[in-house]
Amino acid sequence: MTYDPNFDQFRLDQLASQFLSGSSAQGKVIFFSESDDNRLDVSTWRLEDEDYAEFKKSGFWMYLMELLDALLVYRARQKQPNASQGVVHIDRGHLHLEWVSKEQVESLRSAETVD
């Protein structure tokens, strides 16, 4: 199977259209894996409390976690760079995924502000 560089964004767009239509939420989800099988271990959500509560209530939180887990495994199997950590940027109904270095993800996790 050949790596599809558009797969991540395609799936995020599907999820956003299903759950985030009309959303004004802005923030990010920082995530990474420390396991040998590259499964999702940790996520840090940086958004307003009411947006986080709505995401949990609507099911978006659960579906995003499942998607990130699958994307981590897919990227690792395809031997892509930065396959174990990334950031999902949430911007008014749109999602964008950025695969980052371990140093970047640790720096983002230690920051205390919401962008």
N, C-alpha and C. Protein backbone atom coordinates (compact mmCIF):
# COMPACT_ATOMS: atom_id res chain seq x y z
N MET A 1 0.83 -1.17 0.00
CA MET A 1 0.00 0.00 0.00
C MET A 1 0.88 1.25 0.00
N THR A 2 0.59 2.17 -0.87
CA THR A 2 1.33 3.41 -1.01
C THR A 2 0.76 4.47 -0.09
N TYR A 3 1.61 5.27 0.51
CA TYR A 3 1.18 6.33 1.40
C TYR A 3 0.41 7.40 0.62
N ASP A 4 -0.74 7.79 1.12
CA ASP A 4 -1.56 8.84 0.53
C ASP A 4 -1.43 10.10 1.38
N PRO A 5 -0.71 11.12 0.90
CA PRO A 5 -0.49 12.32 1.72
C PRO A 5 -1.76 13.13 1.97
N ASN A 6 -2.83 12.86 1.25
CA ASN A 6 -4.08 13.59 1.42
C ASN A 6 -5.07 12.88 2.35
N PHE A 7 -4.75 11.66 2.75
CA PHE A 7 -5.66 10.85 3.55
C PHE A 7 -6.02 11.51 4.87
N ASP A 8 -5.01 12.03 5.59
CA ASP A 8 -5.25 12.64 6.90
C ASP A 8 -6.26 13.78 6.79
N GLN A 9 -6.00 14.70 5.88
CA GLN A 9 -6.88 15.86 5.76
C GLN A 9 -8.27 15.47 5.26
N PHE A 10 -8.33 14.51 4.36
CA PHE A 10 -9.62 14.03 3.87
C PHE A 10 -10.49 13.53 5.02
N ARG A 11 -9.91 12.71 5.88
CA ARG A 11 -10.65 12.17 7.01
C ARG A 11 -11.02 13.25 8.02
N LEU A 12 -10.12 14.20 8.26
CA LEU A 12 -10.44 15.31 9.16
C LEU A 12 -11.57 16.17 8.60
N ASP A 13 -11.55 16.40 7.30
CA ASP A 13 -12.63 17.17 6.66
C ASP A 13 -13.97 16.46 6.82
N GLN A 14 -13.98 15.14 6.68
CA GLN A 14 -15.21 14.38 6.88
C GLN A 14 -15.73 14.55 8.30
N LEU A 15 -14.83 14.43 9.26
CA LEU A 15 -15.22 14.56 10.67
C LEU A 15 -15.73 15.97 10.96
N ALA A 16 -15.05 16.97 10.45
CA ALA A 16 -15.47 18.36 10.68
C ALA A 16 -16.85 18.61 10.08
N SER A 17 -17.10 18.10 8.88
CA SER A 17 -18.41 18.32 8.27
C SER A 17 -19.52 17.62 9.04
N GLN A 18 -19.18 16.55 9.70
CA GLN A 18 -20.17 15.80 10.48
C GLN A 18 -20.48 16.46 11.82
N PHE A 19 -19.47 17.07 12.46
CA PHE A 19 -19.65 17.56 13.82
C PHE A 19 -19.46 19.06 14.03
N LEU A 20 -18.75 19.74 13.16
CA LEU A 20 -18.34 21.10 13.47
C LEU A 20 -19.01 22.18 12.62
N SER A 21 -20.01 21.83 11.86
CA SER A 21 -20.70 22.81 11.04
C SER A 21 -21.24 23.93 11.92
N GLY A 22 -20.84 25.15 11.64
CA GLY A 22 -21.28 26.30 12.42
C GLY A 22 -20.55 26.52 13.72
N SER A 23 -19.56 25.71 14.02
CA SER A 23 -18.82 25.86 15.27
C SER A 23 -17.91 27.08 15.22
N SER A 24 -17.82 27.78 16.35
CA SER A 24 -16.91 28.93 16.46
C SER A 24 -15.68 28.58 17.29
N ALA A 25 -15.55 27.32 17.67
CA ALA A 25 -14.44 26.89 18.52
C ALA A 25 -13.09 27.09 17.83
N GLN A 26 -12.13 27.50 18.63
CA GLN A 26 -10.75 27.62 18.17
C GLN A 26 -9.84 27.03 19.24
N GLY A 27 -8.83 26.31 18.80
CA GLY A 27 -7.88 25.72 19.73
C GLY A 27 -7.06 24.67 19.05
N LYS A 28 -6.55 23.75 19.86
CA LYS A 28 -5.72 22.69 19.30
C LYS A 28 -5.76 21.46 20.18
N VAL A 29 -5.45 20.35 19.56
CA VAL A 29 -5.31 19.08 20.26
C VAL A 29 -3.91 18.59 19.99
N ILE A 30 -3.12 18.48 21.02
CA ILE A 30 -1.74 18.01 20.93
C ILE A 30 -1.77 16.53 21.32
N PHE A 31 -1.18 15.68 20.51
CA PHE A 31 -1.28 14.25 20.76
C PHE A 31 0.02 13.55 20.43
N PHE A 32 0.23 12.39 21.08
CA PHE A 32 1.40 11.59 20.75
C PHE A 32 1.29 10.17 21.26
N SER A 33 2.20 9.36 20.76
CA SER A 33 2.29 7.96 21.13
C SER A 33 3.68 7.70 21.69
N GLU A 34 3.73 6.89 22.73
CA GLU A 34 5.01 6.43 23.27
C GLU A 34 5.10 4.91 23.19
N SER A 35 4.10 4.28 22.62
CA SER A 35 4.03 2.82 22.61
C SER A 35 4.72 2.24 21.37
N ASP A 36 5.10 0.99 21.47
CA ASP A 36 5.77 0.30 20.37
C ASP A 36 4.89 0.15 19.14
N ASP A 37 3.57 0.05 19.36
CA ASP A 37 2.67 -0.12 18.22
C ASP A 37 2.13 1.21 17.69
N ASN A 38 2.64 2.32 18.23
CA ASN A 38 2.32 3.69 17.79
C ASN A 38 0.84 4.03 17.93
N ARG A 39 0.23 3.55 19.00
CA ARG A 39 -1.17 3.87 19.29
C ARG A 39 -1.22 5.14 20.13
N LEU A 40 -2.32 5.84 20.05
CA LEU A 40 -2.50 7.09 20.78
C LEU A 40 -2.40 6.86 22.28
N ASP A 41 -1.49 7.57 22.94
CA ASP A 41 -1.31 7.46 24.38
C ASP A 41 -1.78 8.70 25.13
N VAL A 42 -1.50 9.88 24.57
CA VAL A 42 -1.76 11.12 25.29
C VAL A 42 -2.35 12.16 24.33
N SER A 43 -3.35 12.88 24.82
CA SER A 43 -3.84 14.05 24.09
C SER A 43 -4.03 15.19 25.08
N THR A 44 -3.68 16.38 24.65
CA THR A 44 -3.85 17.58 25.45
C THR A 44 -4.70 18.54 24.64
N TRP A 45 -5.85 18.88 25.18
CA TRP A 45 -6.80 19.75 24.49
C TRP A 45 -6.61 21.17 24.99
N ARG A 46 -6.45 22.09 24.05
CA ARG A 46 -6.29 23.51 24.38
C ARG A 46 -7.44 24.27 23.73
N LEU A 47 -8.55 24.39 24.45
CA LEU A 47 -9.68 25.19 24.01
C LEU A 47 -10.48 25.65 25.20
N GLU A 48 -11.47 26.47 24.91
CA GLU A 48 -12.34 26.96 25.97
C GLU A 48 -13.09 25.78 26.59
N ASP A 49 -13.36 25.87 27.89
CA ASP A 49 -14.02 24.79 28.62
C ASP A 49 -15.37 24.42 28.01
N GLU A 50 -16.16 25.43 27.61
CA GLU A 50 -17.48 25.13 27.05
C GLU A 50 -17.38 24.41 25.71
N ASP A 51 -16.35 24.73 24.91
CA ASP A 51 -16.15 24.03 23.64
C ASP A 51 -15.75 22.58 23.89
N TYR A 52 -14.86 22.37 24.86
CA TYR A 52 -14.44 21.01 25.21
C TYR A 52 -15.64 20.19 25.68
N ALA A 53 -16.47 20.78 26.53
CA ALA A 53 -17.66 20.08 27.04
C ALA A 53 -18.60 19.72 25.90
N GLU A 54 -18.78 20.63 24.96
CA GLU A 54 -19.66 20.35 23.82
C GLU A 54 -19.08 19.25 22.94
N PHE A 55 -17.77 19.25 22.73
CA PHE A 55 -17.13 18.21 21.93
C PHE A 55 -17.30 16.84 22.57
N LYS A 56 -17.19 16.77 23.89
CA LYS A 56 -17.39 15.50 24.59
C LYS A 56 -18.85 15.05 24.46
N LYS A 57 -19.77 15.97 24.66
CA LYS A 57 -21.20 15.66 24.63
C LYS A 57 -21.65 15.20 23.24
N SER A 58 -21.13 15.82 22.20
CA SER A 58 -21.57 15.52 20.83
C SER A 58 -20.98 14.23 20.27
N GLY A 59 -19.92 13.73 20.88
CA GLY A 59 -19.24 12.55 20.35
C GLY A 59 -18.02 12.90 19.52
N PHE A 60 -17.83 14.19 19.21
CA PHE A 60 -16.67 14.60 18.40
C PHE A 60 -15.37 14.18 19.06
N TRP A 61 -15.27 14.38 20.38
CA TRP A 61 -14.04 14.03 21.11
C TRP A 61 -13.67 12.56 20.86
N MET A 62 -14.64 11.68 21.03
CA MET A 62 -14.38 10.25 20.88
C MET A 62 -13.95 9.90 19.45
N TYR A 63 -14.68 10.45 18.47
CA TYR A 63 -14.35 10.14 17.08
C TYR A 63 -13.00 10.72 16.66
N LEU A 64 -12.66 11.89 17.18
CA LEU A 64 -11.34 12.45 16.85
C LEU A 64 -10.23 11.59 17.46
N MET A 65 -10.43 11.12 18.69
CA MET A 65 -9.42 10.26 19.32
C MET A 65 -9.24 8.96 18.53
N GLU A 66 -10.33 8.37 18.08
CA GLU A 66 -10.24 7.14 17.28
C GLU A 66 -9.54 7.41 15.96
N LEU A 67 -9.84 8.54 15.33
CA LEU A 67 -9.20 8.87 14.06
C LEU A 67 -7.71 9.11 14.26
N LEU A 68 -7.33 9.84 15.30
CA LEU A 68 -5.91 10.10 15.54
C LEU A 68 -5.16 8.80 15.80
N ASP A 69 -5.77 7.89 16.53
CA ASP A 69 -5.16 6.60 16.78
C ASP A 69 -4.89 5.88 15.45
N ALA A 70 -5.87 5.86 14.58
CA ALA A 70 -5.72 5.20 13.28
C ALA A 70 -4.67 5.90 12.42
N LEU A 71 -4.63 7.23 12.46
CA LEU A 71 -3.65 7.97 11.66
C LEU A 71 -2.22 7.75 12.17
N LEU A 72 -2.06 7.65 13.48
CA LEU A 72 -0.73 7.35 14.04
C LEU A 72 -0.22 6.00 13.53
N VAL A 73 -1.08 5.00 13.58
CA VAL A 73 -0.71 3.66 13.12
C VAL A 73 -0.41 3.67 11.62
N TYR A 74 -1.28 4.31 10.85
CA TYR A 74 -1.10 4.39 9.39
C TYR A 74 0.23 5.07 9.05
N ARG A 75 0.50 6.19 9.67
CA ARG A 75 1.72 6.95 9.37
C ARG A 75 2.98 6.15 9.75
N ALA A 76 2.93 5.46 10.87
CA ALA A 76 4.08 4.65 11.29
C ALA A 76 4.31 3.48 10.33
N ARG A 77 3.24 2.82 9.93
CA ARG A 77 3.38 1.70 8.99
C ARG A 77 3.96 2.15 7.65
N GLN A 78 3.66 3.39 7.29
CA GLN A 78 4.17 3.93 6.02
C GLN A 78 5.53 4.60 6.18
N LYS A 79 6.09 4.51 7.41
CA LYS A 79 7.42 5.03 7.71
C LYS A 79 7.57 6.52 7.35
N GLN A 80 6.57 7.29 7.76
CA GLN A 80 6.57 8.73 7.53
C GLN A 80 7.26 9.45 8.69
N PRO A 81 7.85 10.61 8.43
CA PRO A 81 8.52 11.36 9.50
C PRO A 81 7.51 11.86 10.54
N ASN A 82 7.99 12.03 11.75
CA ASN A 82 7.17 12.52 12.86
C ASN A 82 5.87 11.72 13.00
N ALA A 83 5.97 10.42 12.88
CA ALA A 83 4.79 9.55 12.87
C ALA A 83 4.16 9.37 14.25
N SER A 84 4.80 9.82 15.29
CA SER A 84 4.31 9.54 16.64
C SER A 84 3.72 10.75 17.36
N GLN A 85 3.66 11.90 16.72
CA GLN A 85 3.15 13.07 17.41
C GLN A 85 2.69 14.14 16.43
N GLY A 86 1.69 14.89 16.89
CA GLY A 86 1.16 15.94 16.03
C GLY A 86 0.23 16.87 16.77
N VAL A 87 -0.34 17.80 15.99
CA VAL A 87 -1.26 18.80 16.52
C VAL A 87 -2.42 18.93 15.54
N VAL A 88 -3.64 18.88 16.05
CA VAL A 88 -4.82 19.18 15.25
C VAL A 88 -5.22 20.60 15.62
N HIS A 89 -5.24 21.47 14.64
CA HIS A 89 -5.67 22.84 14.83
C HIS A 89 -7.17 22.91 14.53
N ILE A 90 -7.92 23.47 15.47
CA ILE A 90 -9.37 23.62 15.33
C ILE A 90 -9.64 25.10 15.11
N ASP A 91 -10.29 25.42 14.00
CA ASP A 91 -10.52 26.82 13.67
C ASP A 91 -11.89 27.01 13.04
N ARG A 92 -12.87 27.33 13.87
CA ARG A 92 -14.22 27.66 13.41
C ARG A 92 -14.79 26.64 12.42
N GLY A 93 -14.82 25.40 12.82
CA GLY A 93 -15.42 24.37 11.98
C GLY A 93 -14.46 23.67 11.04
N HIS A 94 -13.21 24.10 11.03
CA HIS A 94 -12.20 23.48 10.17
C HIS A 94 -11.13 22.82 11.04
N LEU A 95 -10.58 21.73 10.52
CA LEU A 95 -9.51 21.00 11.20
C LEU A 95 -8.31 20.92 10.28
N HIS A 96 -7.14 21.06 10.86
CA HIS A 96 -5.89 20.91 10.10
C HIS A 96 -4.90 20.16 10.98
N LEU A 97 -4.30 19.14 10.44
CA LEU A 97 -3.35 18.33 11.20
C LEU A 97 -1.92 18.67 10.79
N GLU A 98 -1.08 18.83 11.77
CA GLU A 98 0.33 19.12 11.56
C GLU A 98 1.14 18.06 12.32
N TRP A 99 1.97 17.32 11.59
CA TRP A 99 2.86 16.35 12.22
C TRP A 99 4.12 17.09 12.62
N VAL A 100 4.49 17.00 13.89
CA VAL A 100 5.61 17.80 14.41
C VAL A 100 6.64 16.90 15.10
N SER A 101 7.78 17.50 15.40
CA SER A 101 8.84 16.77 16.09
C SER A 101 8.47 16.57 17.57
N LYS A 102 9.17 15.66 18.22
CA LYS A 102 8.94 15.42 19.65
C LYS A 102 9.20 16.68 20.46
N GLU A 103 10.23 17.43 20.09
CA GLU A 103 10.56 18.66 20.78
C GLU A 103 9.42 19.68 20.66
N GLN A 104 8.85 19.79 19.47
CA GLN A 104 7.75 20.72 19.27
C GLN A 104 6.52 20.33 20.07
N VAL A 105 6.19 19.04 20.09
CA VAL A 105 5.00 18.61 20.83
C VAL A 105 5.19 18.83 22.33
N GLU A 106 6.37 18.60 22.85
CA GLU A 106 6.63 18.84 24.27
C GLU A 106 6.55 20.33 24.60
N SER A 107 7.05 21.16 23.72
CA SER A 107 6.97 22.60 23.91
C SER A 107 5.52 23.07 23.90
N LEU A 108 4.73 22.55 22.98
CA LEU A 108 3.32 22.91 22.90
C LEU A 108 2.55 22.43 24.13
N ARG A 109 2.88 21.26 24.62
CA ARG A 109 2.18 20.73 25.80
C ARG A 109 2.50 21.53 27.05
N SER A 110 3.71 22.09 27.13
CA SER A 110 4.08 22.84 28.32
C SER A 110 3.56 24.27 28.29
N ALA A 111 3.14 24.76 27.13
CA ALA A 111 2.56 26.10 27.04
C ALA A 111 1.19 26.10 27.73
N GLU A 112 0.85 27.21 28.35
CA GLU A 112 -0.40 27.26 29.12
C GLU A 112 -1.49 28.10 28.48
N THR A 113 -1.26 28.64 27.31
CA THR A 113 -2.27 29.51 26.72
C THR A 113 -2.99 28.83 25.58
N VAL A 114 -4.19 29.30 25.30
CA VAL A 114 -4.98 28.82 24.16
C VAL A 114 -4.74 29.80 23.02
N ASP A 115 -4.36 29.27 21.86
CA ASP A 115 -4.15 30.15 20.69
C ASP A 115 -5.45 30.43 20.01
